[in-house]
Amino acid sequence: MPNPLPTPTAPQVVSLRQQDLQDAAHDGVITPAQAQSLWQRWVVLDHQATVPTQPGALASGPKFGFVNVLYYFGGLVAIGAMTLFMTLGFQAMGPTGLLLIGLAYLVACLKVADHFKARGLLVPAGILATLAVILSPLAVWCVQHLLGLWPPGGSDSYRAYHTIISWRWMTLEFATLATGVVMLWRYRLPFMVMPIAMTIWYMSMDVANGLMQQEGFDWEFSRDVSLVFGIATCCIAMWVDMRSRRAQEAEWRQDFAFWLYVLGAIMFWGGLSWRDSGSEIGKFVYALINIVMVLFGAAIGRRVFTIFGALGVAGYLGYLSHRVFEDSLLFPFALTLLGLAVVALGVWWQRHEPAINARLARFVPEGLRPRV
């Protein structure tokens, strides 16, 4: 009888670490260069496997685990050390000393970011690259002082960049935006959009100060500029969102618009809410705009709009309750009914959320529709 055909065996799955490849190279099975190339290839393939293949879908962000909490906490502490928490003693070294330290920090951050990214540690790589971007305004501030190009007046302390509104900071902000865009193109990690969005927020205040051409602070004008910048930032976020969803490369199919949406919504909603309308029509229009924000956030799958819109609607309903039941024994009951009505609305929305989102998505461009 003829020999039976060999039965195919099921493919085996083996868990490998980078150290295993290094041990194989040490034993002469493969070369060190081949070990590094294989590891980088597997890291890229593993990253691409997390990106959905359907059009318009974005890769899910990092999970909220203990390790990522440590990553972000440590990164924020390091970022704060070079921004908000910079001490006067540190600045006593002068522009030359600060420039040398800042450049050393920047180069070290980029080296470590390259090291982390090559090994698939994308979250810490993004944090270190972000820290490098945040160091760019410090370098520009030092160069301007050394060359005598810093505009007279205002604060001479770099720490004031994050606490005092002044048009003199605009050169630092343009440099941060340029550096942020270049570094984002180099590393392609979503967290790096955070300093870009924060810088746009800073610019909304400093541009207002520059247009006023005075050292004072015009609250109403700054409020309106913030609102305009918020609208512009949200428009940029939608453009980035659509390009990310339509991107063919895996690295660009990530949520790069998140921080732009967050800061844009804060600027817009803050500028809108700070407007003091003395008429009932103005307050009613404010409530309608917030309702549109709730629906828009549900339609594109961005909850930041829904949250701020809901806060605005709740504030308007509270205002109505106070006006209708002012100095009345029914006022506590009115607030109770209002709270229960909001809870009931939340229950109803949760039960019908997929159908509601599907209907609302018909009114937005296809590139912004959320994918399940």
Protein backbone atom coordinates (compact mmCIF):
# COMPACT_ATOMS: atom_id res chain seq x y z
CA MET A 1 0.00 0.00 0.00
CA PRO A 2 1.27 3.50 -0.74
CA ASN A 3 2.44 5.52 2.16
CA PRO A 4 -0.25 7.90 3.39
CA LEU A 5 0.32 11.60 2.91
CA PRO A 6 1.73 13.33 5.96
CA THR A 7 -0.89 14.99 8.05
CA PRO A 8 -0.32 18.76 8.17
CA THR A 9 0.36 19.99 11.62
CA ALA A 10 -1.35 23.05 13.05
CA PRO A 11 0.80 26.19 13.12
CA GLN A 12 2.41 26.77 16.45
CA VAL A 13 2.43 30.14 18.19
CA VAL A 14 5.61 30.98 20.05
CA SER A 15 6.10 33.99 22.30
CA LEU A 16 9.42 35.71 21.66
CA ARG A 17 11.15 38.56 23.44
CA GLN A 18 13.80 40.88 22.10
CA GLN A 19 16.25 39.22 24.50
CA ASP A 20 15.61 35.88 22.73
CA LEU A 21 16.77 37.37 19.44
CA GLN A 22 19.81 38.89 21.11
CA ASP A 23 20.69 35.49 22.63
CA ALA A 24 20.34 33.88 19.20
CA ALA A 25 22.72 36.47 17.75
CA HIS A 26 25.16 35.84 20.61
CA ASP A 27 25.08 32.10 19.85
CA GLY A 28 25.79 32.77 16.16
CA VAL A 29 22.41 31.58 14.86
CA ILE A 30 21.76 34.99 13.28
CA THR A 31 23.74 38.20 13.09
CA PRO A 32 23.07 41.13 15.46
CA ALA A 33 21.88 43.22 12.50
CA GLN A 34 19.40 40.50 11.52
CA ALA A 35 18.14 40.31 15.11
CA GLN A 36 17.52 44.07 15.20
CA SER A 37 15.83 44.03 11.76
CA LEU A 38 13.57 41.14 12.71
CA TRP A 39 12.51 42.81 15.95
CA GLN A 40 11.73 46.13 14.26
CA ARG A 41 9.73 44.32 11.56
CA TRP A 42 7.67 42.43 14.14
CA VAL A 43 7.04 45.63 16.10
CA VAL A 44 5.71 47.35 12.96
CA LEU A 45 3.53 44.37 12.04
CA ASP A 46 2.15 44.18 15.58
CA HIS A 47 1.34 47.91 15.48
CA GLN A 48 -0.38 47.56 12.10
CA ALA A 49 -2.46 44.68 13.42
CA THR A 50 -4.09 47.08 15.91
CA VAL A 51 -5.24 49.39 13.09
CA PRO A 52 -8.67 48.46 11.69
CA THR A 53 -8.79 47.72 7.97
CA GLN A 54 -12.23 49.13 7.26
CA PRO A 55 -12.29 52.60 5.69
CA GLY A 56 -12.86 55.50 8.02
CA ALA A 57 -11.86 53.62 11.18
CA LEU A 58 -9.15 54.79 13.53
CA ALA A 59 -6.79 52.75 15.64
CA SER A 60 -7.79 52.54 19.26
CA GLY A 61 -5.67 54.57 21.65
CA PRO A 62 -3.63 53.20 24.53
CA LYS A 63 -5.63 51.41 27.20
CA PHE A 64 -6.11 52.99 30.60
CA GLY A 65 -3.91 50.56 32.47
CA PHE A 66 -1.57 50.96 35.41
CA VAL A 67 1.52 51.02 33.21
CA ASN A 68 0.14 53.77 30.97
CA VAL A 69 -0.90 55.75 34.06
CA LEU A 70 2.72 55.59 35.21
CA TYR A 71 3.92 56.62 31.75
CA TYR A 72 1.67 59.68 31.56
CA PHE A 73 2.15 60.68 35.19
CA GLY A 74 5.93 60.58 34.87
CA GLY A 75 5.77 62.38 31.53
CA LEU A 76 3.55 65.14 32.91
CA VAL A 77 5.86 65.60 35.89
CA ALA A 78 8.83 65.98 33.52
CA ILE A 79 6.88 68.38 31.30
CA GLY A 80 5.81 70.42 34.32
CA ALA A 81 9.42 70.59 35.53
CA MET A 82 10.41 72.43 32.34
CA THR A 83 7.32 74.65 32.20
CA LEU A 84 5.09 75.54 35.14
CA PHE A 85 7.41 74.35 37.92
CA MET A 86 10.65 75.88 36.67
CA THR A 87 12.23 77.56 39.70
CA LEU A 88 13.87 80.98 39.87
CA GLY A 89 17.11 79.30 40.94
CA PHE A 90 17.11 77.30 37.73
CA GLN A 91 16.62 80.46 35.70
CA ALA A 92 19.47 82.20 37.58
CA MET A 93 21.91 80.43 35.24
CA GLY A 94 20.95 82.93 32.56
CA PRO A 95 20.02 82.47 28.89
CA THR A 96 23.31 80.74 28.00
CA GLY A 97 23.03 78.14 30.73
CA LEU A 98 19.34 77.56 30.05
CA LEU A 99 20.01 77.16 26.34
CA LEU A 100 22.71 74.56 26.90
CA ILE A 101 20.58 72.63 29.39
CA GLY A 102 17.51 72.87 27.15
CA LEU A 103 19.39 71.61 24.09
CA ALA A 104 20.91 68.77 26.12
CA TYR A 105 17.46 67.81 27.38
CA LEU A 106 16.05 68.01 23.85
CA VAL A 107 18.72 65.79 22.29
CA ALA A 108 18.44 63.28 25.14
CA CYS A 109 14.64 63.16 24.79
CA LEU A 110 14.88 62.49 21.06
CA LYS A 111 17.46 59.74 21.59
CA VAL A 112 15.30 58.02 24.20
CA ALA A 113 12.19 58.48 22.05
CA ASP A 114 13.95 56.77 19.12
CA HIS A 115 15.02 53.97 21.45
CA PHE A 116 11.49 53.44 22.76
CA LYS A 117 9.83 53.59 19.34
CA ALA A 118 12.27 51.09 17.85
CA ARG A 119 11.20 48.66 20.56
CA GLY A 120 7.49 49.21 20.15
CA LEU A 121 7.03 51.28 23.33
CA LEU A 122 4.93 53.91 21.59
CA VAL A 123 3.40 55.60 24.64
CA PRO A 124 6.69 56.51 26.36
CA ALA A 125 8.16 57.38 22.95
CA GLY A 126 5.35 59.86 22.38
CA ILE A 127 5.82 61.38 25.82
CA LEU A 128 9.56 61.89 25.34
CA ALA A 129 9.07 63.35 21.86
CA THR A 130 6.41 65.67 23.29
CA LEU A 131 8.84 66.85 25.96
CA ALA A 132 11.32 67.67 23.19
CA VAL A 133 8.69 69.83 21.47
CA ILE A 134 7.91 71.64 24.71
CA LEU A 135 11.60 72.51 25.10
CA SER A 136 11.64 74.39 21.78
CA PRO A 137 10.11 77.66 23.14
CA LEU A 138 12.73 77.67 25.91
CA ALA A 139 15.49 77.49 23.29
CA VAL A 140 13.94 80.29 21.24
CA TRP A 141 13.53 82.46 24.36
CA CYS A 142 17.22 82.01 25.21
CA VAL A 143 18.37 82.81 21.66
CA GLN A 144 16.26 85.97 21.54
CA HIS A 145 17.75 87.18 24.83
CA LEU A 146 21.31 86.37 23.76
CA LEU A 147 20.88 88.27 20.47
CA GLY A 148 19.09 91.18 22.12
CA LEU A 149 15.91 90.56 20.12
CA TRP A 150 13.53 90.24 23.07
CA PRO A 151 10.94 93.06 22.96
CA PRO A 152 11.28 95.49 25.87
CA GLY A 153 8.71 95.50 28.63
CA GLY A 154 6.85 92.61 30.15
CA SER A 155 8.36 89.77 32.14
CA ASP A 156 11.94 88.57 31.63
CA SER A 157 11.22 85.24 33.30
CA TYR A 158 10.61 82.26 31.05
CA ARG A 159 8.31 80.74 33.66
CA ALA A 160 5.89 83.61 32.95
CA TYR A 161 5.33 82.13 29.47
CA HIS A 162 2.77 79.79 31.01
CA THR A 163 1.19 82.23 33.44
CA ILE A 164 1.19 85.77 31.92
CA ILE A 165 -0.61 86.83 28.74
CA SER A 166 1.59 88.93 26.45
CA TRP A 167 2.06 89.38 22.70
CA ARG A 168 5.84 88.94 23.22
CA TRP A 169 5.39 85.19 23.54
CA MET A 170 4.14 84.84 19.95
CA THR A 171 7.60 84.11 18.54
CA LEU A 172 7.89 81.23 21.00
CA GLU A 173 4.46 79.96 20.00
CA PHE A 174 5.18 80.03 16.27
CA ALA A 175 8.42 78.16 16.92
CA THR A 176 6.55 75.57 18.98
CA LEU A 177 3.96 75.07 16.25
CA ALA A 178 6.66 74.64 13.59
CA THR A 179 8.68 72.26 15.75
CA GLY A 180 5.56 70.32 16.71
CA VAL A 181 4.50 69.78 13.10
CA VAL A 182 7.97 68.64 12.06
CA MET A 183 8.33 66.29 15.03
CA LEU A 184 4.83 64.93 14.52
CA TRP A 185 5.72 64.09 10.93
CA ARG A 186 8.91 62.42 12.16
CA TYR A 187 7.45 60.27 14.94
CA ARG A 188 3.72 60.08 14.05
CA LEU A 189 2.49 59.61 17.62
CA PRO A 190 -0.88 61.13 18.61
CA PHE A 191 0.14 62.47 22.04
CA MET A 192 2.50 64.90 20.29
CA VAL A 193 -0.52 66.91 19.13
CA MET A 194 -1.08 68.00 22.74
CA PRO A 195 1.58 70.78 22.79
CA ILE A 196 0.36 71.99 19.39
CA ALA A 197 -3.21 72.30 20.67
CA MET A 198 -2.03 73.95 23.90
CA THR A 199 0.05 76.44 21.91
CA ILE A 200 -2.97 77.39 19.81
CA TRP A 201 -4.83 78.06 23.07
CA TYR A 202 -1.97 80.27 24.29
CA MET A 203 -1.95 82.10 20.96
CA SER A 204 -5.65 82.89 21.24
CA MET A 205 -4.88 84.94 24.36
CA ASP A 206 -1.59 86.47 23.24
CA VAL A 207 -2.95 87.49 19.82
CA ALA A 208 -5.79 89.30 21.59
CA ASN A 209 -3.25 91.10 23.76
CA GLY A 210 -1.23 92.09 20.68
CA LEU A 211 -4.26 93.38 18.79
CA MET A 212 -5.23 95.55 21.75
CA GLN A 213 -1.74 97.15 21.62
CA GLN A 214 -1.73 97.76 25.35
CA GLU A 215 -0.55 96.09 28.52
CA GLY A 216 -4.02 95.92 29.98
CA PHE A 217 -6.45 93.08 29.63
CA ASP A 218 -9.77 93.55 27.83
CA TRP A 219 -11.88 90.64 29.03
CA GLU A 220 -14.63 90.89 26.40
CA PHE A 221 -12.23 91.16 23.46
CA SER A 222 -10.13 88.23 24.71
CA ARG A 223 -13.30 86.21 25.19
CA ASP A 224 -14.39 86.80 21.59
CA VAL A 225 -10.93 85.97 20.24
CA SER A 226 -11.01 82.73 22.23
CA LEU A 227 -14.34 81.85 20.66
CA VAL A 228 -13.01 82.49 17.13
CA PHE A 229 -9.85 80.48 17.80
CA GLY A 230 -12.01 77.67 19.19
CA ILE A 231 -14.04 77.49 16.00
CA ALA A 232 -10.87 77.53 13.89
CA THR A 233 -9.25 74.80 16.02
CA CYS A 234 -12.34 72.58 15.74
CA CYS A 235 -12.30 73.04 11.96
CA ILE A 236 -8.63 72.02 11.88
CA ALA A 237 -9.49 69.03 14.07
CA MET A 238 -12.20 67.89 11.65
CA TRP A 239 -9.79 68.22 8.72
CA VAL A 240 -7.15 66.19 10.59
CA ASP A 241 -9.80 63.65 11.60
CA MET A 242 -10.93 63.12 8.02
CA ARG A 243 -7.35 62.76 6.74
CA SER A 244 -6.54 60.25 9.50
CA ARG A 245 -9.58 58.12 8.68
CA ARG A 246 -8.75 58.10 4.97
CA ALA A 247 -5.01 57.49 5.39
CA GLN A 248 -3.56 54.37 3.80
CA GLU A 249 -0.50 54.05 6.04
CA ALA A 250 -1.05 52.42 9.42
CA GLU A 251 0.91 55.07 11.33
CA TRP A 252 -1.38 57.83 10.09
CA ARG A 253 -4.60 55.92 10.93
CA GLN A 254 -4.45 57.07 14.55
CA ASP A 255 -6.50 59.61 16.46
CA PHE A 256 -4.40 62.73 15.87
CA ALA A 257 -7.45 65.00 16.22
CA PHE A 258 -8.26 64.20 19.87
CA TRP A 259 -6.33 67.04 21.53
CA LEU A 260 -7.41 69.52 18.88
CA TYR A 261 -11.04 68.66 19.55
CA VAL A 262 -10.56 68.97 23.32
CA LEU A 263 -8.80 72.35 23.30
CA GLY A 264 -10.98 73.68 20.48
CA ALA A 265 -14.14 72.77 22.37
CA ILE A 266 -12.80 74.38 25.55
CA MET A 267 -11.96 77.64 23.76
CA PHE A 268 -15.27 77.78 21.89
CA TRP A 269 -17.52 76.80 24.78
CA GLY A 270 -15.63 78.99 27.24
CA GLY A 271 -15.87 82.04 24.98
CA LEU A 272 -19.54 81.31 24.34
CA SER A 273 -20.43 80.76 28.00
CA TRP A 274 -18.60 83.88 29.20
CA ARG A 275 -20.77 86.08 27.04
CA ASP A 276 -23.25 87.90 29.25
CA SER A 277 -26.57 88.16 27.45
CA GLY A 278 -29.13 90.39 29.11
CA SER A 279 -31.98 89.20 26.91
CA GLU A 280 -33.99 86.00 27.15
CA ILE A 281 -33.57 85.47 23.40
CA GLY A 282 -29.79 85.50 23.77
CA LYS A 283 -29.92 82.94 26.55
CA PHE A 284 -32.29 80.77 24.49
CA VAL A 285 -29.90 80.93 21.51
CA TYR A 286 -27.09 79.89 23.88
CA ALA A 287 -29.14 76.84 24.89
CA LEU A 288 -29.82 75.98 21.23
CA ILE A 289 -26.11 76.16 20.41
CA ASN A 290 -25.37 73.79 23.28
CA ILE A 291 -28.05 71.39 22.05
CA VAL A 292 -26.40 71.44 18.63
CA MET A 293 -23.07 70.64 20.34
CA VAL A 294 -24.65 67.62 22.05
CA LEU A 295 -26.05 66.33 18.77
CA PHE A 296 -22.87 67.11 16.83
CA GLY A 297 -20.73 65.27 19.38
CA ALA A 298 -22.98 62.23 19.12
CA ALA A 299 -22.96 62.38 15.32
CA ILE A 300 -19.16 62.34 14.95
CA GLY A 301 -18.45 60.25 18.04
CA ARG A 302 -16.65 63.01 19.98
CA ARG A 303 -17.96 63.12 23.53
CA VAL A 304 -16.14 66.33 24.42
CA PHE A 305 -18.79 68.28 22.51
CA THR A 306 -21.56 66.29 24.14
CA ILE A 307 -20.18 66.94 27.63
CA PHE A 308 -19.78 70.70 27.22
CA GLY A 309 -23.10 70.97 25.40
CA ALA A 310 -24.84 69.10 28.20
CA LEU A 311 -23.28 71.42 30.77
CA GLY A 312 -24.55 74.43 28.84
CA VAL A 313 -28.06 73.03 28.53
CA ALA A 314 -28.10 72.14 32.24
CA GLY A 315 -27.01 75.67 33.10
CA TYR A 316 -29.78 77.17 31.00
CA LEU A 317 -32.40 74.86 32.52
CA GLY A 318 -31.15 75.77 35.96
CA TYR A 319 -31.48 79.45 35.07
CA LEU A 320 -35.06 78.91 33.91
CA SER A 321 -35.92 77.01 37.07
CA HIS A 322 -34.48 79.77 39.21
CA ARG A 323 -36.43 82.46 37.36
CA VAL A 324 -39.73 80.60 37.35
CA PHE A 325 -39.58 79.34 40.93
CA GLU A 326 -37.61 82.18 42.53
CA ASP A 327 -38.53 82.72 46.19
CA SER A 328 -40.95 79.84 45.93
CA LEU A 329 -41.39 76.70 47.99
CA LEU A 330 -41.56 74.83 44.69
CA PHE A 331 -37.95 75.67 43.78
CA PRO A 332 -36.39 72.54 45.41
CA PHE A 333 -39.04 70.38 43.77
CA ALA A 334 -38.31 71.99 40.41
CA LEU A 335 -34.61 71.20 40.74
CA THR A 336 -35.42 67.62 41.75
CA LEU A 337 -37.65 67.16 38.71
CA LEU A 338 -34.99 68.71 36.51
CA GLY A 339 -32.34 66.30 37.78
CA LEU A 340 -34.60 63.28 37.38
CA ALA A 341 -35.51 64.40 33.87
CA VAL A 342 -31.84 64.55 32.93
CA VAL A 343 -31.28 61.08 34.38
CA ALA A 344 -34.29 59.74 32.47
CA LEU A 345 -32.96 61.32 29.29
CA GLY A 346 -29.62 59.60 29.89
CA VAL A 347 -31.30 56.22 30.34
CA TRP A 348 -33.34 56.67 27.18
CA TRP A 349 -30.28 57.82 25.24
CA GLN A 350 -28.22 54.83 26.38
CA ARG A 351 -30.90 52.38 25.26
CA HIS A 352 -31.21 53.96 21.83
CA GLU A 353 -27.67 55.30 21.39
CA PRO A 354 -26.70 53.21 18.33
CA ALA A 355 -29.87 54.17 16.46
CA ILE A 356 -29.57 57.84 17.48
CA ASN A 357 -25.93 58.03 16.42
CA ALA A 358 -26.73 56.34 13.11
CA ARG A 359 -29.45 58.88 12.34
CA LEU A 360 -27.35 61.86 13.38
CA ALA A 361 -24.38 60.61 11.33
CA ARG A 362 -26.40 61.16 8.15
CA PHE A 363 -26.01 64.90 8.58
CA VAL A 364 -22.20 64.96 8.77
CA PRO A 365 -19.58 64.22 6.06
CA GLU A 366 -18.83 60.56 5.57
CA GLY A 367 -15.22 61.04 6.66
CA LEU A 368 -16.33 62.15 10.14
CA ARG A 369 -18.88 59.44 10.82
CA PRO A 370 -17.93 57.18 13.73
CA ARG A 371 -17.28 53.52 12.96
CA VAL A 372 -18.43 50.73 15.22
